[in-house]
Amino acid sequence: MTFLRVVEVLPPLYDASGGRAKRLDTGAAMERFGEEARAIRDFADIILVANVKDLKRVKFDSVHAAVILQEDYNLNAAPVIVVRDQNRPQFLSTVLTAISLGVNSMMIAWGDDYPESSHVSNVRDFADLAGAIREASRIRSRARSPARLFAPVDLESLVYPKGVALARERLRAGADFLLAQPPTTDDGETFDWHDSLLEKSGLKERVLPNVFHFKDDADIRHYERMFGWMLPRGLHQAAKGEGGLAELETRVVRRLRVTGYAGVYLSTRGNPSVAERVLA
């Protein structure tokens, strides 16, 4: 059985301020981005190009960046397409554009709300993510495309029947696999908990658990506050030891392989070289 390695990378980001902002050296940035992705080609089956929400910075469009990786660097790249950043006609056009340019995988994500203070509109043309996935799947079928569709799943929501129903509806709508969060941070306590949730929900064969590259203990605490994640004490302890976090990440991937998971979703946090260390 093939073990699918989906490795998330960040496209180049630039200061969005005006005035005396630094010149946008887009050519050099895209070349660095491409070379970093190419360097891990032996450790990633799909390079997932994230769609980063940062109002202080502008980014390359994820579809454009994925096509560059595919055409110029011969990589299997998948863009993240965020539903709430586009109205329905724009969303469908983006999906069709990706397919027409030969993109073989893409992730359809819901996207977080923008705060009112940002003066940015939240688009609500779809009642739920499954509706957007269903529309994307119809475009895929009409275009006779083999493109693989990914969608997110919140593992903690699988405690409740409603959460399981939402995940199943995304699969019925046309998603081939669900990419999980919060991350599976160790091969013991957290792995057992997530594995139990997936077994009970009957979703284990269709979910790729997440390995999230934390930098240090302060970084762990930042994400706990930002997303409300309840991360295990052992993760904080490992962060204080030399190489502790790297060892945890590697052990999680090893256990995913031996217990029959379809693959892993690795968040590199802008450092693609993490893939070689964790997935070699």
C-alpha atoms as a PDB file:
ATOM      1  CA  MET A   1       0.000   0.000   0.000  1.00  0.00           C
ATOM      2  CA  THR A   2       1.371   3.420  -0.982  1.00  0.00           C
ATOM      3  CA  PHE A   3       1.979   5.828   1.879  1.00  0.00           C
ATOM      4  CA  LEU A   4       0.965   9.285   0.629  1.00  0.00           C
ATOM      5  CA  ARG A   5       3.201  12.128   1.828  1.00  0.00           C
ATOM      6  CA  VAL A   6       1.534  15.533   1.549  1.00  0.00           C
ATOM      7  CA  VAL A   7       3.993  18.274   2.473  1.00  0.00           C
ATOM      8  CA  GLU A   8       2.710  21.809   3.021  1.00  0.00           C
ATOM      9  CA  VAL A   9       4.891  24.741   1.968  1.00  0.00           C
ATOM     10  CA  LEU A  10       4.371  28.504   2.104  1.00  0.00           C
ATOM     11  CA  PRO A  11       4.492  30.629  -1.062  1.00  0.00           C
ATOM     12  CA  PRO A  12       6.580  33.822  -0.993  1.00  0.00           C
ATOM     13  CA  LEU A  13       5.101  36.558   1.224  1.00  0.00           C
ATOM     14  CA  TYR A  14       5.697  40.300   0.939  1.00  0.00           C
ATOM     15  CA  ASP A  15       5.128  43.371   3.059  1.00  0.00           C
ATOM     16  CA  ALA A  16       1.727  44.767   2.082  1.00  0.00           C
ATOM     17  CA  SER A  17       2.374  48.315   3.313  1.00  0.00           C
ATOM     18  CA  GLY A  18       2.786  51.181   0.883  1.00  0.00           C
ATOM     19  CA  GLY A  19       5.090  54.161   0.985  1.00  0.00           C
ATOM     20  CA  ARG A  20       8.706  53.158   1.363  1.00  0.00           C
ATOM     21  CA  ALA A  21       8.046  49.424   1.455  1.00  0.00           C
ATOM     22  CA  LYS A  22      10.854  47.231   0.144  1.00  0.00           C
ATOM     23  CA  ARG A  23      10.768  46.460  -3.577  1.00  0.00           C
ATOM     24  CA  LEU A  24       9.081  43.173  -4.456  1.00  0.00           C
ATOM     25  CA  ASP A  25      11.786  40.969  -5.948  1.00  0.00           C
ATOM     26  CA  THR A  26       9.297  38.369  -7.141  1.00  0.00           C
ATOM     27  CA  GLY A  27      11.548  36.521  -9.584  1.00  0.00           C
ATOM     28  CA  ALA A  28      14.226  35.738  -7.015  1.00  0.00           C
ATOM     29  CA  ALA A  29      11.639  34.814  -4.386  1.00  0.00           C
ATOM     30  CA  MET A  30       9.875  32.343  -6.658  1.00  0.00           C
ATOM     31  CA  GLU A  31      13.188  30.809  -7.665  1.00  0.00           C
ATOM     32  CA  ARG A  32      14.112  30.242  -4.005  1.00  0.00           C
ATOM     33  CA  PHE A  33      10.644  28.826  -3.374  1.00  0.00           C
ATOM     34  CA  GLY A  34      10.965  26.424  -6.303  1.00  0.00           C
ATOM     35  CA  GLU A  35      14.465  25.263  -5.383  1.00  0.00           C
ATOM     36  CA  GLU A  36      13.463  24.633  -1.758  1.00  0.00           C
ATOM     37  CA  ALA A  37      10.517  22.551  -2.930  1.00  0.00           C
ATOM     38  CA  ARG A  38      12.606  20.653  -5.488  1.00  0.00           C
ATOM     39  CA  ALA A  39      15.135  19.793  -2.776  1.00  0.00           C
ATOM     40  CA  ILE A  40      12.521  17.642  -1.012  1.00  0.00           C
ATOM     41  CA  ARG A  41      11.028  15.967  -4.081  1.00  0.00           C
ATOM     42  CA  ASP A  42      12.197  12.523  -2.875  1.00  0.00           C
ATOM     43  CA  PHE A  43      10.344  12.975   0.411  1.00  0.00           C
ATOM     44  CA  ALA A  44       7.012  14.371  -0.797  1.00  0.00           C
ATOM     45  CA  ASP A  45       4.428  12.889  -3.123  1.00  0.00           C
ATOM     46  CA  ILE A  46       2.428  16.123  -3.177  1.00  0.00           C
ATOM     47  CA  ILE A  47       3.653  19.640  -2.414  1.00  0.00           C
ATOM     48  CA  LEU A  48       0.679  21.456  -0.881  1.00  0.00           C
ATOM     49  CA  VAL A  49       0.916  25.207  -1.515  1.00  0.00           C
ATOM     50  CA  ALA A  50      -0.717  26.911   1.449  1.00  0.00           C
ATOM     51  CA  ASN A  51      -3.079  29.852   1.121  1.00  0.00           C
ATOM     52  CA  VAL A  52      -1.787  32.093   3.912  1.00  0.00           C
ATOM     53  CA  LYS A  53      -4.065  34.672   5.548  1.00  0.00           C
ATOM     54  CA  ASP A  54      -1.926  37.556   6.729  1.00  0.00           C
ATOM     55  CA  LEU A  55      -3.377  41.028   6.254  1.00  0.00           C
ATOM     56  CA  LYS A  56       0.039  42.608   6.739  1.00  0.00           C
ATOM     57  CA  ARG A  57       1.520  40.745   3.793  1.00  0.00           C
ATOM     58  CA  VAL A  58       0.622  39.879   0.212  1.00  0.00           C
ATOM     59  CA  LYS A  59       1.300  36.472  -1.291  1.00  0.00           C
ATOM     60  CA  PHE A  60       1.500  34.661  -4.584  1.00  0.00           C
ATOM     61  CA  ASP A  61      -1.790  33.094  -5.609  1.00  0.00           C
ATOM     62  CA  SER A  62      -1.651  29.439  -4.571  1.00  0.00           C
ATOM     63  CA  VAL A  63      -2.818  28.138  -7.966  1.00  0.00           C
ATOM     64  CA  HIS A  64      -0.194  30.208  -9.770  1.00  0.00           C
ATOM     65  CA  ALA A  65       2.524  29.041  -7.375  1.00  0.00           C
ATOM     66  CA  ALA A  66       1.479  25.389  -7.746  1.00  0.00           C
ATOM     67  CA  VAL A  67       1.563  25.612 -11.539  1.00  0.00           C
ATOM     68  CA  ILE A  68       5.069  27.102 -11.429  1.00  0.00           C
ATOM     69  CA  LEU A  69       6.254  24.221  -9.232  1.00  0.00           C
ATOM     70  CA  GLN A  70       4.689  21.768 -11.637  1.00  0.00           C
ATOM     71  CA  GLU A  71       5.853  23.275 -14.912  1.00  0.00           C
ATOM     72  CA  ASP A  72       9.254  24.708 -13.983  1.00  0.00           C
ATOM     73  CA  TYR A  73      10.349  22.224 -11.323  1.00  0.00           C
ATOM     74  CA  ASN A  74       8.499  19.040 -12.371  1.00  0.00           C
ATOM     75  CA  LEU A  75       6.778  18.657  -9.005  1.00  0.00           C
ATOM     76  CA  ASN A  76       3.299  17.360  -8.175  1.00  0.00           C
ATOM     77  CA  ALA A  77       1.926  20.499  -6.521  1.00  0.00           C
ATOM     78  CA  ALA A  78      -1.525  21.154  -5.076  1.00  0.00           C
ATOM     79  CA  PRO A  79      -2.934  24.609  -4.297  1.00  0.00           C
ATOM     80  CA  VAL A  80      -5.066  25.348  -1.267  1.00  0.00           C
ATOM     81  CA  ILE A  81      -8.214  27.129  -2.489  1.00  0.00           C
ATOM     82  CA  VAL A  82     -10.013  29.062   0.264  1.00  0.00           C
ATOM     83  CA  VAL A  83     -13.780  29.253  -0.163  1.00  0.00           C
ATOM     84  CA  ARG A  84     -14.399  32.379   1.921  1.00  0.00           C
ATOM     85  CA  ASP A  85     -11.920  34.422  -0.089  1.00  0.00           C
ATOM     86  CA  GLN A  86     -14.083  34.224  -3.230  1.00  0.00           C
ATOM     87  CA  ASN A  87     -17.701  34.383  -4.277  1.00  0.00           C
ATOM     88  CA  ARG A  88     -19.231  31.362  -5.974  1.00  0.00           C
ATOM     89  CA  PRO A  89     -18.414  32.280  -9.620  1.00  0.00           C
ATOM     90  CA  GLN A  90     -14.835  33.171  -8.662  1.00  0.00           C
ATOM     91  CA  PHE A  91     -14.394  29.964  -6.709  1.00  0.00           C
ATOM     92  CA  LEU A  92     -15.624  27.806  -9.588  1.00  0.00           C
ATOM     93  CA  SER A  93     -13.422  29.754 -12.002  1.00  0.00           C
ATOM     94  CA  THR A  94     -10.397  29.168  -9.768  1.00  0.00           C
ATOM     95  CA  VAL A  95     -11.074  25.417  -9.648  1.00  0.00           C
ATOM     96  CA  LEU A  96     -11.565  25.260 -13.417  1.00  0.00           C
ATOM     97  CA  THR A  97      -8.409  27.306 -14.013  1.00  0.00           C
ATOM     98  CA  ALA A  98      -6.365  24.942 -11.826  1.00  0.00           C
ATOM     99  CA  ILE A  99      -7.712  21.900 -13.665  1.00  0.00           C
ATOM    100  CA  SER A 100      -7.154  23.461 -17.082  1.00  0.00           C
ATOM    101  CA  LEU A 101      -3.530  24.187 -16.187  1.00  0.00           C
ATOM    102  CA  GLY A 102      -2.943  20.539 -15.354  1.00  0.00           C
ATOM    103  CA  VAL A 103      -3.074  20.663 -11.558  1.00  0.00           C
ATOM    104  CA  ASN A 104      -3.641  17.095 -10.376  1.00  0.00           C
ATOM    105  CA  SER A 105      -4.547  17.802  -6.743  1.00  0.00           C
ATOM    106  CA  MET A 106      -6.057  20.656  -4.769  1.00  0.00           C
ATOM    107  CA  MET A 107      -7.340  21.300  -1.282  1.00  0.00           C
ATOM    108  CA  ILE A 108     -10.688  23.003  -0.725  1.00  0.00           C
ATOM    109  CA  ALA A 109     -10.591  24.817   2.624  1.00  0.00           C
ATOM    110  CA  TRP A 110     -13.245  26.872   4.387  1.00  0.00           C
ATOM    111  CA  GLY A 111     -11.014  29.646   5.726  1.00  0.00           C
ATOM    112  CA  ASP A 112     -11.180  31.605   8.970  1.00  0.00           C
ATOM    113  CA  ASP A 113     -13.321  34.707   9.275  1.00  0.00           C
ATOM    114  CA  TYR A 114     -11.649  38.075   8.914  1.00  0.00           C
ATOM    115  CA  PRO A 115     -12.137  40.268  11.997  1.00  0.00           C
ATOM    116  CA  GLU A 116     -14.453  43.274  11.616  1.00  0.00           C
ATOM    117  CA  SER A 117     -11.548  45.592  12.388  1.00  0.00           C
ATOM    118  CA  SER A 118      -9.742  44.443   9.226  1.00  0.00           C
ATOM    119  CA  HIS A 119     -12.398  46.002   6.930  1.00  0.00           C
ATOM    120  CA  VAL A 120     -12.221  42.887   4.749  1.00  0.00           C
ATOM    121  CA  SER A 121     -15.392  41.108   3.655  1.00  0.00           C
ATOM    122  CA  ASN A 122     -16.135  37.516   4.586  1.00  0.00           C
ATOM    123  CA  VAL A 123     -17.725  35.808   1.580  1.00  0.00           C
ATOM    124  CA  ARG A 124     -20.591  33.467   2.432  1.00  0.00           C
ATOM    125  CA  ASP A 125     -21.882  32.174  -0.904  1.00  0.00           C
ATOM    126  CA  PHE A 126     -21.767  28.572   0.333  1.00  0.00           C
ATOM    127  CA  ALA A 127     -23.731  27.318   3.332  1.00  0.00           C
ATOM    128  CA  ASP A 128     -20.985  24.861   4.235  1.00  0.00           C
ATOM    129  CA  LEU A 129     -17.703  23.448   2.981  1.00  0.00           C
ATOM    130  CA  ALA A 130     -19.337  20.310   1.626  1.00  0.00           C
ATOM    131  CA  GLY A 131     -21.355  22.473  -0.782  1.00  0.00           C
ATOM    132  CA  ALA A 132     -18.168  24.002  -2.188  1.00  0.00           C
ATOM    133  CA  ILE A 133     -16.503  20.581  -2.469  1.00  0.00           C
ATOM    134  CA  ARG A 134     -19.560  19.253  -4.302  1.00  0.00           C
ATOM    135  CA  GLU A 135     -19.371  22.099  -6.833  1.00  0.00           C
ATOM    136  CA  ALA A 136     -15.621  21.559  -7.309  1.00  0.00           C
ATOM    137  CA  SER A 137     -16.208  17.845  -7.809  1.00  0.00           C
ATOM    138  CA  ARG A 138     -18.804  18.576 -10.505  1.00  0.00           C
ATOM    139  CA  ILE A 139     -16.329  20.798 -12.338  1.00  0.00           C
ATOM    140  CA  ARG A 140     -13.760  18.006 -12.055  1.00  0.00           C
ATOM    141  CA  SER A 141     -16.198  15.476 -13.528  1.00  0.00           C
ATOM    142  CA  ARG A 142     -17.304  17.716 -16.375  1.00  0.00           C
ATOM    143  CA  ALA A 143     -13.672  18.452 -17.248  1.00  0.00           C
ATOM    144  CA  ARG A 144     -12.916  14.705 -17.070  1.00  0.00           C
ATOM    145  CA  SER A 145     -10.061  15.471 -14.752  1.00  0.00           C
ATOM    146  CA  PRO A 146      -8.359  12.914 -12.461  1.00  0.00           C
ATOM    147  CA  ALA A 147      -7.556  15.684  -9.982  1.00  0.00           C
ATOM    148  CA  ARG A 148      -7.534  14.576  -6.357  1.00  0.00           C
ATOM    149  CA  LEU A 149      -9.505  16.717  -3.895  1.00  0.00           C
ATOM    150  CA  PHE A 150      -8.454  17.220  -0.280  1.00  0.00           C
ATOM    151  CA  ALA A 151     -10.463  18.865   2.486  1.00  0.00           C
ATOM    152  CA  PRO A 152      -9.820  19.532   6.188  1.00  0.00           C
ATOM    153  CA  VAL A 153     -11.149  17.685   9.216  1.00  0.00           C
ATOM    154  CA  ASP A 154     -11.062  18.705  12.875  1.00  0.00           C
ATOM    155  CA  LEU A 155     -10.205  15.519  14.768  1.00  0.00           C
ATOM    156  CA  GLU A 156     -11.526  16.911  18.040  1.00  0.00           C
ATOM    157  CA  SER A 157     -14.959  17.319  16.431  1.00  0.00           C
ATOM    158  CA  LEU A 158     -15.153  13.553  15.896  1.00  0.00           C
ATOM    159  CA  VAL A 159     -16.052  13.177  19.562  1.00  0.00           C
ATOM    160  CA  TYR A 160     -19.540  14.306  18.559  1.00  0.00           C
ATOM    161  CA  PRO A 161     -21.975  12.781  16.031  1.00  0.00           C
ATOM    162  CA  LYS A 162     -22.263  16.165  14.287  1.00  0.00           C
ATOM    163  CA  GLY A 163     -18.507  16.294  13.707  1.00  0.00           C
ATOM    164  CA  VAL A 164     -18.479  12.802  12.221  1.00  0.00           C
ATOM    165  CA  ALA A 165     -21.427  13.726  10.005  1.00  0.00           C
ATOM    166  CA  LEU A 166     -19.622  16.839   8.722  1.00  0.00           C
ATOM    167  CA  ALA A 167     -16.514  14.818   7.876  1.00  0.00           C
ATOM    168  CA  ARG A 168     -18.518  12.122   6.102  1.00  0.00           C
ATOM    169  CA  GLU A 169     -20.449  14.734   4.122  1.00  0.00           C
ATOM    170  CA  ARG A 170     -17.192  16.214   2.820  1.00  0.00           C
ATOM    171  CA  LEU A 171     -16.169  12.785   1.583  1.00  0.00           C
ATOM    172  CA  ARG A 172     -19.574  12.151  -0.005  1.00  0.00           C
ATOM    173  CA  ALA A 173     -19.336  15.561  -1.679  1.00  0.00           C
ATOM    174  CA  GLY A 174     -16.203  14.443  -3.518  1.00  0.00           C
ATOM    175  CA  ALA A 175     -13.163  14.829  -1.253  1.00  0.00           C
ATOM    176  CA  ASP A 176     -10.740  11.944  -1.715  1.00  0.00           C
ATOM    177  CA  PHE A 177      -8.906  12.459   1.579  1.00  0.00           C
ATOM    178  CA  LEU A 178      -9.284  14.653   4.651  1.00  0.00           C
ATOM    179  CA  LEU A 179      -6.234  16.437   6.051  1.00  0.00           C
ATOM    180  CA  ALA A 180      -6.360  16.505   9.828  1.00  0.00           C
ATOM    181  CA  GLN A 181      -5.778  18.993  12.588  1.00  0.00           C
ATOM    182  CA  PRO A 182      -5.006  19.462  15.415  1.00  0.00           C
ATOM    183  CA  PRO A 183      -1.620  17.787  14.953  1.00  0.00           C
ATOM    184  CA  THR A 184      -0.735  14.329  16.159  1.00  0.00           C
ATOM    185  CA  THR A 185       2.214  15.399  18.286  1.00  0.00           C
ATOM    186  CA  ASP A 186       3.520  12.126  19.743  1.00  0.00           C
ATOM    187  CA  ASP A 187       3.351   8.401  19.052  1.00  0.00           C
ATOM    188  CA  GLY A 188       1.794   7.619  22.436  1.00  0.00           C
ATOM    189  CA  GLU A 189      -0.981   9.545  24.174  1.00  0.00           C
ATOM    190  CA  THR A 190      -2.042  11.803  21.314  1.00  0.00           C
ATOM    191  CA  PHE A 191      -1.640   9.150  18.623  1.00  0.00           C
ATOM    192  CA  ASP A 192      -3.773   6.701  20.590  1.00  0.00           C
ATOM    193  CA  TRP A 193      -6.480   9.333  21.101  1.00  0.00           C
ATOM    194  CA  HIS A 194      -6.626  10.378  17.455  1.00  0.00           C
ATOM    195  CA  ASP A 195      -6.452   6.763  16.275  1.00  0.00           C
ATOM    196  CA  SER A 196      -9.359   5.860  18.555  1.00  0.00           C
ATOM    197  CA  LEU A 197     -11.478   8.733  17.205  1.00  0.00           C
ATOM    198  CA  LEU A 198     -10.806   7.711  13.620  1.00  0.00           C
ATOM    199  CA  GLU A 199     -11.457   4.030  14.259  1.00  0.00           C
ATOM    200  CA  LYS A 200     -14.778   4.709  15.985  1.00  0.00           C
ATOM    201  CA  SER A 201     -15.904   7.120  13.277  1.00  0.00           C
ATOM    202  CA  GLY A 202     -14.926   4.738  10.476  1.00  0.00           C
ATOM    203  CA  LEU A 203     -12.789   7.431   8.848  1.00  0.00           C
ATOM    204  CA  LYS A 204      -9.299   6.031   9.405  1.00  0.00           C
ATOM    205  CA  GLU A 205      -8.710   4.997   5.784  1.00  0.00           C
ATOM    206  CA  ARG A 206      -9.648   8.441   4.448  1.00  0.00           C
ATOM    207  CA  VAL A 207      -7.772  10.753   6.851  1.00  0.00           C
ATOM    208  CA  LEU A 208      -4.129  11.857   6.740  1.00  0.00           C
ATOM    209  CA  PRO A 209      -3.064  12.841  10.287  1.00  0.00           C
ATOM    210  CA  ASN A 210      -1.009  15.994  10.669  1.00  0.00           C
ATOM    211  CA  VAL A 211       2.574  16.360  11.835  1.00  0.00           C
ATOM    212  CA  PHE A 212       3.126  20.023  12.669  1.00  0.00           C
ATOM    213  CA  HIS A 213       6.680  21.323  12.870  1.00  0.00           C
ATOM    214  CA  PHE A 214       6.940  23.215  16.156  1.00  0.00           C
ATOM    215  CA  LYS A 215      10.102  25.275  16.629  1.00  0.00           C
ATOM    216  CA  ASP A 216      10.341  25.492  20.408  1.00  0.00           C
ATOM    217  CA  ASP A 217       8.243  25.671  23.581  1.00  0.00           C
ATOM    218  CA  ALA A 218       7.277  29.320  23.016  1.00  0.00           C
ATOM    219  CA  ASP A 219       6.037  28.380  19.549  1.00  0.00           C
ATOM    220  CA  ILE A 220       3.951  25.544  20.999  1.00  0.00           C
ATOM    221  CA  ARG A 221       2.334  27.876  23.525  1.00  0.00           C
ATOM    222  CA  HIS A 222       1.628  30.442  20.789  1.00  0.00           C
ATOM    223  CA  TYR A 223      -0.367  27.921  18.763  1.00  0.00           C
ATOM    224  CA  GLU A 224      -2.175  26.656  21.823  1.00  0.00           C
ATOM    225  CA  ARG A 225      -3.411  30.186  22.444  1.00  0.00           C
ATOM    226  CA  MET A 226      -4.172  30.927  18.794  1.00  0.00           C
ATOM    227  CA  PHE A 227      -6.132  27.762  17.957  1.00  0.00           C
ATOM    228  CA  GLY A 228      -7.164  26.558  21.385  1.00  0.00           C
ATOM    229  CA  TRP A 229      -5.222  23.318  20.936  1.00  0.00           C
ATOM    230  CA  MET A 230      -4.761  21.182  24.055  1.00  0.00           C
ATOM    231  CA  LEU A 231      -1.282  19.815  23.427  1.00  0.00           C
ATOM    232  CA  PRO A 232       0.258  17.182  25.742  1.00  0.00           C
ATOM    233  CA  ARG A 233       2.713  18.011  28.503  1.00  0.00           C
ATOM    234  CA  GLY A 234       5.223  15.645  26.932  1.00  0.00           C
ATOM    235  CA  LEU A 235       5.442  17.890  23.875  1.00  0.00           C
ATOM    236  CA  HIS A 236       6.462  20.856  26.033  1.00  0.00           C
ATOM    237  CA  GLN A 237       9.056  18.696  27.774  1.00  0.00           C
ATOM    238  CA  ALA A 238      10.471  17.448  24.471  1.00  0.00           C
ATOM    239  CA  ALA A 239      10.813  21.040  23.257  1.00  0.00           C
ATOM    240  CA  LYS A 240      13.296  21.722  26.048  1.00  0.00           C
ATOM    241  CA  GLY A 241      15.634  18.921  25.033  1.00  0.00           C
ATOM    242  CA  GLU A 242      18.080  18.822  22.132  1.00  0.00           C
ATOM    243  CA  GLY A 243      16.409  17.202  19.131  1.00  0.00           C
ATOM    244  CA  GLY A 244      13.352  16.207  21.156  1.00  0.00           C
ATOM    245  CA  LEU A 245      10.719  17.639  18.822  1.00  0.00           C
ATOM    246  CA  ALA A 246      12.366  16.155  15.751  1.00  0.00           C
ATOM    247  CA  GLU A 247      12.375  12.717  17.338  1.00  0.00           C
ATOM    248  CA  LEU A 248       8.676  12.979  18.213  1.00  0.00           C
ATOM    249  CA  GLU A 249       7.765  13.961  14.650  1.00  0.00           C
ATOM    250  CA  THR A 250       9.738  11.067  13.191  1.00  0.00           C
ATOM    251  CA  ARG A 251       8.186   8.550  15.579  1.00  0.00           C
ATOM    252  CA  VAL A 252       4.653   9.715  14.703  1.00  0.00           C
ATOM    253  CA  VAL A 253       5.303   9.136  10.988  1.00  0.00           C
ATOM    254  CA  ARG A 254       6.815   5.732  11.718  1.00  0.00           C
ATOM    255  CA  ARG A 255       3.735   4.665  13.653  1.00  0.00           C
ATOM    256  CA  LEU A 256       1.390   5.968  10.958  1.00  0.00           C
ATOM    257  CA  ARG A 257       3.174   3.710   8.494  1.00  0.00           C
ATOM    258  CA  VAL A 258       3.079   0.554  10.597  1.00  0.00           C
ATOM    259  CA  THR A 259      -0.555   0.961  11.656  1.00  0.00           C
ATOM    260  CA  GLY A 260      -1.865   1.185   8.105  1.00  0.00           C
ATOM    261  CA  TYR A 261      -2.685   4.851   7.571  1.00  0.00           C
ATOM    262  CA  ALA A 262      -2.994   6.057   3.987  1.00  0.00           C
ATOM    263  CA  GLY A 263      -0.404   8.760   4.557  1.00  0.00           C
ATOM    264  CA  VAL A 264       0.645  11.854   6.462  1.00  0.00           C
ATOM    265  CA  TYR A 265       0.099  15.591   6.139  1.00  0.00           C
ATOM    266  CA  LEU A 266       3.270  17.455   7.145  1.00  0.00           C
ATOM    267  CA  SER A 267       3.185  21.188   7.956  1.00  0.00           C
ATOM    268  CA  THR A 268       6.722  22.477   7.454  1.00  0.00           C
ATOM    269  CA  ARG A 269       5.958  26.039   8.601  1.00  0.00           C
ATOM    270  CA  GLY A 270       7.996  27.583   5.785  1.00  0.00           C
ATOM    271  CA  ASN A 271      10.991  25.264   6.259  1.00  0.00           C
ATOM    272  CA  PRO A 272      10.617  22.553   3.573  1.00  0.00           C
ATOM    273  CA  SER A 273      13.874  20.870   4.624  1.00  0.00           C
ATOM    274  CA  VAL A 274      11.927  19.491   7.610  1.00  0.00           C
ATOM    275  CA  ALA A 275      10.452  16.920   5.211  1.00  0.00           C
ATOM    276  CA  GLU A 276      13.776  15.179   4.657  1.00  0.00           C
ATOM    277  CA  ARG A 277      14.379  14.823   8.384  1.00  0.00           C
ATOM    278  CA  VAL A 278      10.874  13.579   9.195  1.00  0.00           C
ATOM    279  CA  LEU A 279       9.950  11.557   6.104  1.00  0.00           C
ATOM    280  CA  ALA A 280      13.250  10.027   4.966  1.00  0.00           C
END
